[in-house]
Structure formats: structure tokens, C-alpha cells
C-alpha atoms as a PDB file:
ATOM      1  CA  MET A   1      16.188 136.668 211.476  1.00  0.00           C
ATOM      2  CA  ALA A   2      18.234 137.675 214.539  1.00  0.00           C
ATOM      3  CA  TYR A   3      21.853 138.853 214.398  1.00  0.00           C
ATOM      4  CA  LYS A   4      24.567 136.839 216.038  1.00  0.00           C
ATOM      5  CA  ILE A   5      28.052 137.558 217.259  1.00  0.00           C
ATOM      6  CA  SER A   6      30.722 134.999 216.256  1.00  0.00           C
ATOM      7  CA  ASP A   7      33.852 133.909 217.903  1.00  0.00           C
ATOM      8  CA  ALA A   8      35.865 136.767 216.129  1.00  0.00           C
ATOM      9  CA  CYS A   9      34.388 138.975 218.576  1.00  0.00           C
ATOM     10  CA  LEU A  10      37.192 141.138 220.450  1.00  0.00           C
ATOM     11  CA  ALA A  11      34.807 142.306 223.156  1.00  0.00           C
ATOM     12  CA  CYS A  12      35.641 145.878 222.351  1.00  0.00           C
ATOM     13  CA  GLY A  13      31.892 146.922 223.221  1.00  0.00           C
ATOM     14  CA  ALA A  14      31.479 148.955 220.082  1.00  0.00           C
ATOM     15  CA  CYS A  15      28.243 147.319 219.251  1.00  0.00           C
ATOM     16  CA  VAL A  16      26.455 147.582 222.754  1.00  0.00           C
ATOM     17  CA  ASP A  17      25.645 151.356 222.537  1.00  0.00           C
ATOM     18  CA  THR A  18      24.322 151.060 219.114  1.00  0.00           C
ATOM     19  CA  CYS A  19      21.623 148.519 219.831  1.00  0.00           C
ATOM     20  CA  PRO A  20      18.373 150.357 220.162  1.00  0.00           C
ATOM     21  CA  VAL A  21      16.862 147.626 222.354  1.00  0.00           C
ATOM     22  CA  SER A  22      19.790 146.872 224.674  1.00  0.00           C
ATOM     23  CA  THR A  23      19.911 143.304 223.568  1.00  0.00           C
ATOM     24  CA  ILE A  24      23.630 142.945 223.302  1.00  0.00           C
ATOM     25  CA  VAL A  25      25.005 141.463 226.646  1.00  0.00           C
ATOM     26  CA  GLU A  26      28.451 140.331 228.006  1.00  0.00           C
ATOM     27  CA  ASP A  27      28.877 136.521 227.886  1.00  0.00           C
ATOM     28  CA  GLY A  28      32.145 135.799 229.679  1.00  0.00           C
ATOM     29  CA  GLU A  29      34.828 137.238 227.471  1.00  0.00           C
ATOM     30  CA  LYS A  30      32.712 138.088 224.553  1.00  0.00           C
ATOM     31  CA  TYR A  31      29.273 139.706 223.863  1.00  0.00           C
ATOM     32  CA  LYS A  32      26.065 137.888 222.690  1.00  0.00           C
ATOM     33  CA  ILE A  33      22.805 139.150 221.269  1.00  0.00           C
ATOM     34  CA  LEU A  34      19.659 137.960 222.746  1.00  0.00           C
ATOM     35  CA  ALA A  35      17.918 136.420 219.839  1.00  0.00           C
ATOM     36  CA  ASP A  36      14.370 136.625 221.208  1.00  0.00           C
ATOM     37  CA  LYS A  37      14.776 140.494 221.727  1.00  0.00           C
ATOM     38  CA  CYS A  38      16.626 141.381 218.521  1.00  0.00           C
ATOM     39  CA  THR A  39      14.571 143.522 216.293  1.00  0.00           C
ATOM     40  CA  ASP A  40      16.784 142.678 213.205  1.00  0.00           C
ATOM     41  CA  CYS A  41      17.761 146.336 212.531  1.00  0.00           C
ATOM     42  CA  GLY A  42      21.398 145.588 211.699  1.00  0.00           C
ATOM     43  CA  ALA A  43      22.812 148.631 213.486  1.00  0.00           C
ATOM     44  CA  CYS A  44      25.253 146.385 215.674  1.00  0.00           C
ATOM     45  CA  ALA A  45      26.736 144.792 212.488  1.00  0.00           C
ATOM     46  CA  GLY A  46      27.639 148.136 211.048  1.00  0.00           C
ATOM     47  CA  SER A  47      29.499 149.172 214.127  1.00  0.00           C
ATOM     48  CA  CYS A  48      31.711 146.058 214.519  1.00  0.00           C
ATOM     49  CA  PRO A  49      35.256 146.677 213.665  1.00  0.00           C
ATOM     50  CA  VAL A  50      35.996 143.133 212.815  1.00  0.00           C
ATOM     51  CA  GLU A  51      32.845 142.101 211.130  1.00  0.00           C
ATOM     52  CA  ALA A  52      31.866 139.601 213.968  1.00  0.00           C
ATOM     53  CA  ILE A  53      28.211 140.187 213.615  1.00  0.00           C
ATOM     54  CA  SER A  54      25.959 138.678 210.956  1.00  0.00           C
ATOM     55  CA  GLN A  55      22.305 137.247 210.534  1.00  0.00           C
ATOM     56  CA  GLU A  56      21.905 133.805 211.616  1.00  0.00           C
END
């Protein structure tokens, strides 16, 4: 199950560098995870300061 970034995202970018497959991209004023590339490792979720990342 891929991870997803909710509307609580502050666009701080903390998650971007933690993704080992570079699947987190800017989407307007927020970030999103490309579900088809997500390897489900969870590194991004642990880096989010507002807990905006969870599994779908």
C-alpha cells in the first residue's frame, strides 16, 4: 500500500530527501507521492513534522 500526503502538508520539504526512490514531488503548494513508484518503506512518514503522511 502506497503512502499518501494529506492536506495537512506544510510543504516544508522534509520528506523529499528521505525518499530512497525520489517519488515525492511538488504539486502546487504541497507535495505528493507518486503511488506507482512508492516502495512502501515509510521513511517519509517518519520525517514529516506534522504527521501528514500515512498509508492509503
